Amino acid sequence: MSKLSPSDTSAAARPADPADPAGLRWPSQQPGTEQHGRTISRVMLLQRELNDKPVPVPRPSAPTATAVARASEALRARGVEPVGPDCTDHVDLVLVLGGDGTILRAFEIARERDIPLVGINTGHVGFLAEADPDGIEQVVADLVAGRYTVETRTTLDVEVICPDGTVTRDWALNEAALEKRDRARMIEVAIGVDGQAVSSFGCDGLIMSTPTGSTAYAFSCGGPVIWPEVEALLLVPVAAHALFTRPLVLGPNSCMEVVVQRVGFGGAEIWCDGRRSLDVPVGARIRVTRAERPVRLARFNQAPFASRLVRKFDLPVEGWRASSSADEAYSPEEDALHQPMVSSADTSTKGGSRPDSSGGTA
């Protein structure tokens, strides 16, 4: 992910867009970071639904309903109108309260409207969340004051070309996961990259992921963790019955292709972020590429991704240069769930700054 200076993100520095004369849209070709200083007048509040996972036992003091009420009150106190998901008027930002699954659902709305999203974790891991419920009032204060950046994240275009010529499409932020419906049989696939055959084997499934999704389903199946600023795509076989079935890290402009050769009873399907599915009959060809439209994630923290990784996975780091003051900035203790940034006005003269099937990379 390339980091851009405030001068690079100004409307004057962006190419003219007839559909966006004010220059408010963010270029979608690659991930990046933009300073955000526009006034917020209306925020969409989204929360956990009944079909989302319940709040786990270790978090009984953070019910989502109470957090939503506090967020609404804090927004109104600062002159910002909170609205629900049915609002058809202009909305400046989506504020979502829930876990990573709820945040993925909210991204469906935020991406369609091309507006930033900020998550408050009332779920379990909350890799995509920016704050805990205790920080709601501070989150709202920083949003209204413009003390945040907007980070763009790569998404995937998913296309299934059936033998009869029909084509179905969808998109994903974390991953597109090919799965079989028959638990007792493998699915036989042939994979290719950029038009070149790579391998064929039997497996339980196949995961095609973004860097954001590398800490989700792909991680559980042995894939590598990819830092969110790395421009890459990831292909991870699931329980493959073959010698060469290592995860593949591909270039951001690569085209991943999968042909379904054989499958058991019930056929196969491809799931996008574990929320939306496409049927995949035998003989179908799946094409997965980087999408033109990214998602936009509001960020308050400037701590490095490594510290968030350590905290979210509770990794043992005892003894790592404990006495070195030069490395204290990388201590997970300093990566608070919410750490206010200086305002975009303050950073404009100092150069650039940095942004379940859930659990994507934060």
Protein backbone atom coordinates (compact mmCIF):
# COMPACT_ATOMS: atom_id res chain seq x y z
CA MET A 1 0.00 0.00 0.00
CA SER A 2 1.48 3.31 -1.04
CA LYS A 3 1.38 6.21 1.39
CA LEU A 4 0.44 9.52 -0.14
CA SER A 5 1.15 13.00 1.11
CA PRO A 6 -1.72 15.47 1.73
CA SER A 7 -0.78 17.29 -1.47
CA ASP A 8 -1.20 14.07 -3.43
CA THR A 9 -4.69 13.54 -2.01
CA SER A 10 -6.04 16.99 -2.73
CA ALA A 11 -8.81 17.38 -5.28
CA ALA A 12 -6.48 19.40 -7.52
CA ALA A 13 -3.97 16.54 -7.67
CA ARG A 14 -6.53 13.95 -8.76
CA PRO A 15 -7.57 13.39 -12.36
CA ALA A 16 -10.77 15.12 -13.40
CA ASP A 17 -13.86 12.92 -13.12
CA PRO A 18 -17.10 14.14 -14.72
CA ALA A 19 -19.08 12.04 -12.25
CA ASP A 20 -17.18 13.58 -9.34
CA PRO A 21 -16.55 17.29 -10.08
CA ALA A 22 -15.82 18.10 -6.45
CA GLY A 23 -12.99 15.57 -6.34
CA LEU A 24 -14.37 13.74 -3.32
CA ARG A 25 -13.91 10.20 -4.60
CA TRP A 26 -10.70 8.31 -4.00
CA PRO A 27 -8.79 6.69 -6.89
CA SER A 28 -9.56 2.97 -6.85
CA GLN A 29 -6.62 1.42 -8.70
CA GLN A 30 -4.52 0.58 -5.63
CA PRO A 31 -4.58 0.81 -1.84
CA GLY A 32 -3.44 4.08 -0.26
CA THR A 33 -3.93 6.53 2.57
CA GLU A 34 -5.69 9.86 2.36
CA GLN A 35 -6.06 12.68 4.85
CA HIS A 36 -9.66 13.46 5.68
CA GLY A 37 -10.83 16.91 6.64
CA ARG A 38 -14.40 17.25 5.37
CA THR A 39 -17.18 18.13 7.78
CA ILE A 40 -19.32 15.20 8.88
CA SER A 41 -23.04 15.90 9.14
CA ARG A 42 -24.66 12.46 8.84
CA VAL A 43 -23.37 9.05 9.99
CA MET A 44 -24.96 5.68 9.31
CA LEU A 45 -25.06 3.41 12.37
CA LEU A 46 -25.00 -0.34 11.78
CA GLN A 47 -25.05 -3.02 14.44
CA ARG A 48 -24.99 -6.76 14.97
CA GLU A 49 -28.06 -8.57 13.63
CA LEU A 50 -29.79 -11.58 15.10
CA ASN A 51 -28.00 -13.90 12.67
CA ASP A 52 -24.58 -12.52 13.60
CA LYS A 53 -22.56 -14.29 16.27
CA PRO A 54 -23.56 -13.39 19.85
CA VAL A 55 -21.27 -11.37 22.06
CA PRO A 56 -18.93 -13.93 23.69
CA VAL A 57 -18.87 -14.56 27.43
CA PRO A 58 -15.60 -12.61 28.04
CA ARG A 59 -17.33 -9.39 26.87
CA PRO A 60 -20.60 -9.30 28.89
CA SER A 61 -20.13 -5.62 29.78
CA ALA A 62 -20.31 -4.44 26.17
CA PRO A 63 -23.79 -5.19 24.79
CA THR A 64 -24.17 -3.84 21.31
CA ALA A 65 -27.51 -2.13 22.00
CA THR A 66 -25.99 -0.02 24.78
CA ALA A 67 -23.02 0.86 22.59
CA VAL A 68 -25.31 1.96 19.76
CA ALA A 69 -27.30 4.18 22.13
CA ARG A 70 -24.09 5.80 23.38
CA ALA A 71 -22.86 6.35 19.84
CA SER A 72 -26.17 7.97 18.82
CA GLU A 73 -26.10 10.25 21.84
CA ALA A 74 -22.48 11.26 21.24
CA LEU A 75 -23.17 12.04 17.57
CA ARG A 76 -26.22 14.18 18.34
CA ALA A 77 -24.31 16.03 21.04
CA ARG A 78 -21.85 17.15 18.37
CA GLY A 79 -24.45 18.12 15.83
CA VAL A 80 -24.19 14.98 13.68
CA GLU A 81 -27.32 13.14 12.58
CA PRO A 82 -27.24 9.35 13.16
CA VAL A 83 -29.25 7.37 10.59
CA GLY A 84 -30.03 3.72 9.96
CA PRO A 85 -29.16 1.46 7.01
CA ASP A 86 -32.43 2.33 5.25
CA CYS A 87 -31.40 5.97 4.78
CA THR A 88 -31.27 6.91 1.09
CA ASP A 89 -29.89 10.42 1.60
CA HIS A 90 -26.21 11.34 1.50
CA VAL A 91 -24.16 9.80 4.33
CA ASP A 92 -20.59 10.82 5.18
CA LEU A 93 -19.44 7.70 7.00
CA VAL A 94 -20.56 4.30 8.32
CA LEU A 95 -20.04 3.60 12.03
CA VAL A 96 -20.50 -0.10 12.73
CA LEU A 97 -20.73 -1.79 16.12
CA GLY A 98 -20.12 -5.53 16.15
CA GLY A 99 -17.50 -8.11 15.29
CA ASP A 100 -15.64 -8.74 12.05
CA GLY A 101 -18.66 -10.48 10.50
CA THR A 102 -20.83 -7.45 11.15
CA ILE A 103 -18.13 -5.16 9.77
CA LEU A 104 -17.95 -7.25 6.58
CA ARG A 105 -21.71 -6.85 6.20
CA ALA A 106 -21.41 -3.11 6.71
CA PHE A 107 -18.71 -2.90 4.03
CA GLU A 108 -21.32 -4.01 1.49
CA ILE A 109 -23.13 -0.73 2.12
CA ALA A 110 -20.03 1.44 2.52
CA ARG A 111 -18.46 0.17 -0.71
CA GLU A 112 -21.62 0.77 -2.71
CA ARG A 113 -21.79 4.35 -1.42
CA ASP A 114 -18.01 4.87 -1.65
CA ILE A 115 -17.77 6.19 1.90
CA PRO A 116 -15.37 5.32 4.76
CA LEU A 117 -16.23 2.88 7.52
CA VAL A 118 -15.03 2.74 11.11
CA GLY A 119 -15.67 -0.26 13.35
CA ILE A 120 -16.17 -0.52 17.10
CA ASN A 121 -15.60 -4.06 18.33
CA THR A 122 -18.40 -5.63 20.37
CA GLY A 123 -17.52 -9.08 19.03
CA HIS A 124 -14.53 -11.35 19.63
CA VAL A 125 -11.28 -10.70 17.74
CA GLY A 126 -12.28 -7.54 15.88
CA PHE A 127 -9.32 -7.43 13.49
CA LEU A 128 -11.09 -4.88 11.31
CA ALA A 129 -12.34 -2.78 14.23
CA GLU A 130 -10.62 0.43 15.25
CA ALA A 131 -11.82 0.81 18.84
CA ASP A 132 -13.47 -0.92 21.79
CA PRO A 133 -16.85 0.20 23.21
CA ASP A 134 -15.12 2.15 25.99
CA GLY A 135 -13.77 4.51 23.33
CA ILE A 136 -17.04 5.40 21.57
CA GLU A 137 -17.18 9.02 22.73
CA GLN A 138 -13.54 9.59 21.76
CA VAL A 139 -14.14 7.99 18.36
CA VAL A 140 -17.03 10.35 17.68
CA ALA A 141 -15.03 13.37 18.86
CA ASP A 142 -12.13 12.52 16.54
CA LEU A 143 -14.42 11.82 13.60
CA VAL A 144 -16.14 15.19 13.95
CA ALA A 145 -12.79 16.96 14.40
CA GLY A 146 -11.29 15.22 11.34
CA ARG A 147 -8.54 13.53 13.37
CA TYR A 148 -8.30 10.42 11.21
CA THR A 149 -7.05 9.09 7.91
CA VAL A 150 -8.86 6.98 5.33
CA GLU A 151 -7.12 3.82 4.19
CA THR A 152 -8.13 2.01 1.01
CA ARG A 153 -8.12 -1.78 0.96
CA THR A 154 -7.97 -4.07 -2.05
CA THR A 155 -11.08 -6.06 -2.97
CA LEU A 156 -11.60 -8.97 -5.37
CA ASP A 157 -13.77 -9.33 -8.44
CA VAL A 158 -15.14 -12.88 -8.67
CA GLU A 159 -16.50 -14.31 -11.92
CA VAL A 160 -17.94 -17.79 -12.55
CA ILE A 161 -18.23 -18.80 -16.21
CA CYS A 162 -20.51 -21.84 -16.52
CA PRO A 163 -20.28 -24.44 -19.30
CA ASP A 164 -23.54 -23.18 -20.82
CA GLY A 165 -22.05 -19.68 -21.17
CA THR A 166 -23.84 -18.02 -18.28
CA VAL A 167 -21.71 -15.74 -16.11
CA THR A 168 -22.28 -14.78 -12.47
CA ARG A 169 -20.27 -12.18 -10.57
CA ASP A 170 -19.66 -10.94 -7.05
CA TRP A 171 -16.90 -9.30 -5.00
CA ALA A 172 -15.04 -9.92 -1.74
CA LEU A 173 -12.92 -7.99 0.75
CA ASN A 174 -11.38 -10.94 2.62
CA GLU A 175 -11.57 -13.92 0.29
CA ALA A 176 -13.43 -15.94 -2.31
CA ALA A 177 -13.55 -19.54 -1.05
CA LEU A 178 -14.36 -22.47 -3.32
CA GLU A 179 -16.06 -25.23 -1.33
CA LYS A 180 -17.72 -28.57 -2.04
CA ARG A 181 -21.19 -29.44 -0.81
CA ASP A 182 -20.47 -33.16 -0.47
CA ARG A 183 -18.42 -33.63 2.68
CA ALA A 184 -17.43 -37.22 1.78
CA ARG A 185 -15.72 -36.46 -1.53
CA MET A 186 -12.93 -34.22 -2.77
CA ILE A 187 -13.27 -31.59 -5.44
CA GLU A 188 -10.90 -31.95 -8.41
CA VAL A 189 -9.54 -28.61 -9.66
CA ALA A 190 -7.03 -27.26 -12.14
CA ILE A 191 -5.51 -23.89 -11.30
CA GLY A 192 -3.82 -21.33 -13.48
CA VAL A 193 -2.31 -17.87 -13.14
CA ASP A 194 -2.33 -15.25 -15.90
CA GLY A 195 -3.41 -17.81 -18.50
CA GLN A 196 -0.68 -20.30 -17.58
CA ALA A 197 -1.56 -23.71 -16.10
CA VAL A 198 0.07 -24.18 -12.68
CA SER A 199 -1.24 -27.39 -11.13
CA SER A 200 -4.19 -29.75 -10.70
CA PHE A 201 -5.19 -31.77 -7.64
CA GLY A 202 -7.98 -32.95 -5.41
CA CYS A 203 -8.81 -30.91 -2.32
CA ASP A 204 -11.54 -29.84 0.06
CA GLY A 205 -11.50 -26.30 -1.30
CA LEU A 206 -9.48 -23.34 -2.46
CA ILE A 207 -9.13 -19.84 -1.01
CA MET A 208 -8.31 -16.75 -3.06
CA SER A 209 -7.57 -13.90 -0.68
CA THR A 210 -6.52 -10.28 -0.35
CA PRO A 211 -3.88 -9.10 2.16
CA THR A 212 -6.78 -8.02 4.39
CA GLY A 213 -8.12 -11.59 4.34
CA SER A 214 -4.74 -13.20 4.97
CA THR A 215 -5.45 -13.27 8.73
CA ALA A 216 -8.89 -14.85 8.25
CA TYR A 217 -9.84 -18.14 6.53
CA ALA A 218 -6.59 -18.28 4.53
CA PHE A 219 -4.56 -18.00 7.75
CA SER A 220 -6.48 -20.91 9.30
CA CYS A 221 -5.56 -23.06 6.28
CA GLY A 222 -1.83 -22.39 6.52
CA GLY A 223 -1.52 -19.27 4.39
CA PRO A 224 1.00 -16.53 5.21
CA VAL A 225 0.14 -13.28 6.94
CA ILE A 226 0.49 -10.45 4.42
CA TRP A 227 0.93 -6.91 5.69
CA PRO A 228 -2.02 -4.76 4.50
CA GLU A 229 0.22 -2.30 2.65
CA VAL A 230 1.61 -5.10 0.46
CA GLU A 231 0.02 -5.17 -2.99
CA ALA A 232 -0.53 -8.87 -3.61
CA LEU A 233 -3.09 -11.64 -4.02
CA LEU A 234 -3.04 -14.98 -2.22
CA LEU A 235 -4.11 -18.49 -3.29
CA VAL A 236 -4.33 -21.18 -0.59
CA PRO A 237 -5.42 -24.84 -1.20
CA VAL A 238 -7.51 -26.44 1.55
CA ALA A 239 -6.50 -30.01 2.53
CA ALA A 240 -5.07 -30.74 -0.92
CA HIS A 241 -4.08 -34.31 -1.81
CA ALA A 242 -0.88 -33.57 -3.76
CA LEU A 243 2.82 -32.88 -3.26
CA PHE A 244 2.94 -29.33 -4.59
CA THR A 245 0.12 -27.51 -2.86
CA ARG A 246 1.93 -24.63 -1.19
CA PRO A 247 0.15 -21.26 -0.83
CA LEU A 248 0.96 -18.91 -3.71
CA VAL A 249 1.55 -15.17 -3.26
CA LEU A 250 0.80 -13.46 -6.57
CA GLY A 251 1.20 -10.03 -8.05
CA PRO A 252 -1.66 -7.56 -7.56
CA ASN A 253 -2.52 -7.57 -11.26
CA SER A 254 -2.53 -11.35 -11.62
CA CYS A 255 -5.59 -13.29 -12.70
CA MET A 256 -6.28 -16.43 -10.67
CA GLU A 257 -8.23 -19.08 -12.59
CA VAL A 258 -9.75 -22.32 -11.34
CA VAL A 259 -11.49 -24.99 -13.43
CA VAL A 260 -13.72 -27.41 -11.52
CA GLN A 261 -13.08 -30.81 -13.12
CA ARG A 262 -14.96 -33.18 -10.82
CA VAL A 263 -17.01 -32.83 -7.68
CA GLY A 264 -19.21 -35.06 -5.53
CA PHE A 265 -22.95 -34.95 -5.07
CA GLY A 266 -24.41 -31.48 -4.69
CA GLY A 267 -21.81 -29.66 -6.75
CA ALA A 268 -19.64 -26.80 -5.51
CA GLU A 269 -20.04 -23.15 -4.61
CA ILE A 270 -17.83 -20.14 -4.07
CA TRP A 271 -18.40 -18.01 -0.99
CA CYS A 272 -17.49 -14.31 -0.91
CA ASP A 273 -16.51 -13.26 2.63
CA GLY A 274 -18.66 -16.11 3.93
CA ARG A 275 -21.77 -14.05 3.19
CA ARG A 276 -22.71 -14.43 -0.47
CA SER A 277 -22.37 -17.53 -2.66
CA LEU A 278 -22.27 -18.41 -6.35
CA ASP A 279 -23.02 -21.87 -7.74
CA VAL A 280 -20.07 -23.57 -9.46
CA PRO A 281 -21.09 -26.54 -11.66
CA VAL A 282 -18.63 -29.11 -13.02
CA GLY A 283 -16.71 -27.61 -15.94
CA ALA A 284 -17.11 -24.03 -14.70
CA ARG A 285 -14.17 -21.63 -14.80
CA ILE A 286 -13.61 -19.21 -11.90
CA ARG A 287 -11.67 -15.99 -12.51
CA VAL A 288 -10.56 -13.84 -9.56
CA THR A 289 -8.78 -10.51 -10.03
CA ARG A 290 -8.19 -7.32 -8.08
CA ALA A 291 -11.29 -5.14 -8.28
CA GLU A 292 -11.29 -1.56 -9.51
CA ARG A 293 -13.33 -0.40 -6.50
CA PRO A 294 -11.67 -0.78 -3.07
CA VAL A 295 -13.20 -0.26 0.35
CA ARG A 296 -12.31 2.69 2.57
CA LEU A 297 -11.40 2.20 6.22
CA ALA A 298 -11.17 5.11 8.68
CA ARG A 299 -8.09 4.92 10.90
CA PHE A 300 -7.08 6.69 14.12
CA ASN A 301 -4.04 4.64 15.09
CA GLN A 302 -0.56 5.11 13.67
CA ALA A 303 0.91 2.03 15.36
CA PRO A 304 2.53 -0.51 12.99
CA PHE A 305 0.57 -3.55 11.87
CA ALA A 306 2.97 -5.85 13.73
CA SER A 307 1.84 -4.53 17.10
CA ARG A 308 -1.82 -5.10 16.23
CA LEU A 309 -0.98 -8.61 15.07
CA VAL A 310 0.74 -9.36 18.37
CA ARG A 311 -2.19 -8.03 20.38
CA LYS A 312 -4.99 -9.69 18.41
CA PHE A 313 -3.31 -13.12 18.34
CA ASP A 314 -1.82 -12.71 21.83
CA LEU A 315 1.62 -13.64 20.51
CA PRO A 316 4.47 -14.24 22.99
CA VAL A 317 7.02 -11.44 22.63
CA GLU A 318 8.85 -11.56 25.95
CA GLY A 319 12.55 -10.85 25.65
CA TRP A 320 12.40 -8.93 22.37
CA ARG A 321 14.86 -6.08 22.91
CA ALA A 322 13.09 -5.25 26.16
CA SER A 323 15.72 -2.68 27.15
CA SER A 324 15.99 -0.96 23.76
CA SER A 325 14.26 2.41 23.76
CA ALA A 326 14.57 2.52 19.97
CA ASP A 327 12.12 -0.37 19.68
CA GLU A 328 9.62 0.77 22.26
CA ALA A 329 7.45 2.23 19.50
CA TYR A 330 6.83 -1.31 18.33
CA SER A 331 5.61 -2.55 21.68
CA PRO A 332 2.07 -3.94 21.57
CA GLU A 333 1.27 -2.13 24.80
CA GLU A 334 1.52 1.17 22.96
CA ASP A 335 -0.94 0.11 20.26
CA ALA A 336 -4.03 1.13 22.19
CA LEU A 337 -7.34 0.19 20.63
CA HIS A 338 -7.92 3.89 20.05
CA GLN A 339 -5.17 6.49 19.99
CA PRO A 340 -6.21 9.94 18.70
CA MET A 341 -4.14 11.33 15.85
CA VAL A 342 -3.24 14.92 15.19
CA SER A 343 -5.78 16.58 12.95
CA SER A 344 -5.37 16.58 9.20
CA ALA A 345 -4.86 20.33 9.36
CA ASP A 346 -1.87 19.82 11.64
CA THR A 347 -0.31 17.18 9.36
CA SER A 348 -0.78 19.08 6.11
CA THR A 349 2.50 20.96 6.59
CA LYS A 350 4.51 17.97 7.80
CA GLY A 351 4.18 15.56 4.90
CA GLY A 352 2.20 12.33 4.70
CA SER A 353 0.88 10.17 7.52
CA ARG A 354 -0.13 6.63 7.52
CA PRO A 355 -4.41 4.16 7.31
CA ASP A 356 -15.11 -13.68 9.48
CA SER A 357 -15.09 -15.44 7.05
CA SER A 358 -14.26 -12.51 9.29
CA GLY A 359 -11.10 -11.50 11.06
CA GLY A 360 -9.39 -9.70 8.19
CA THR A 361 -6.14 -7.85 8.56
CA ALA A 362 -6.48 -4.55 10.35
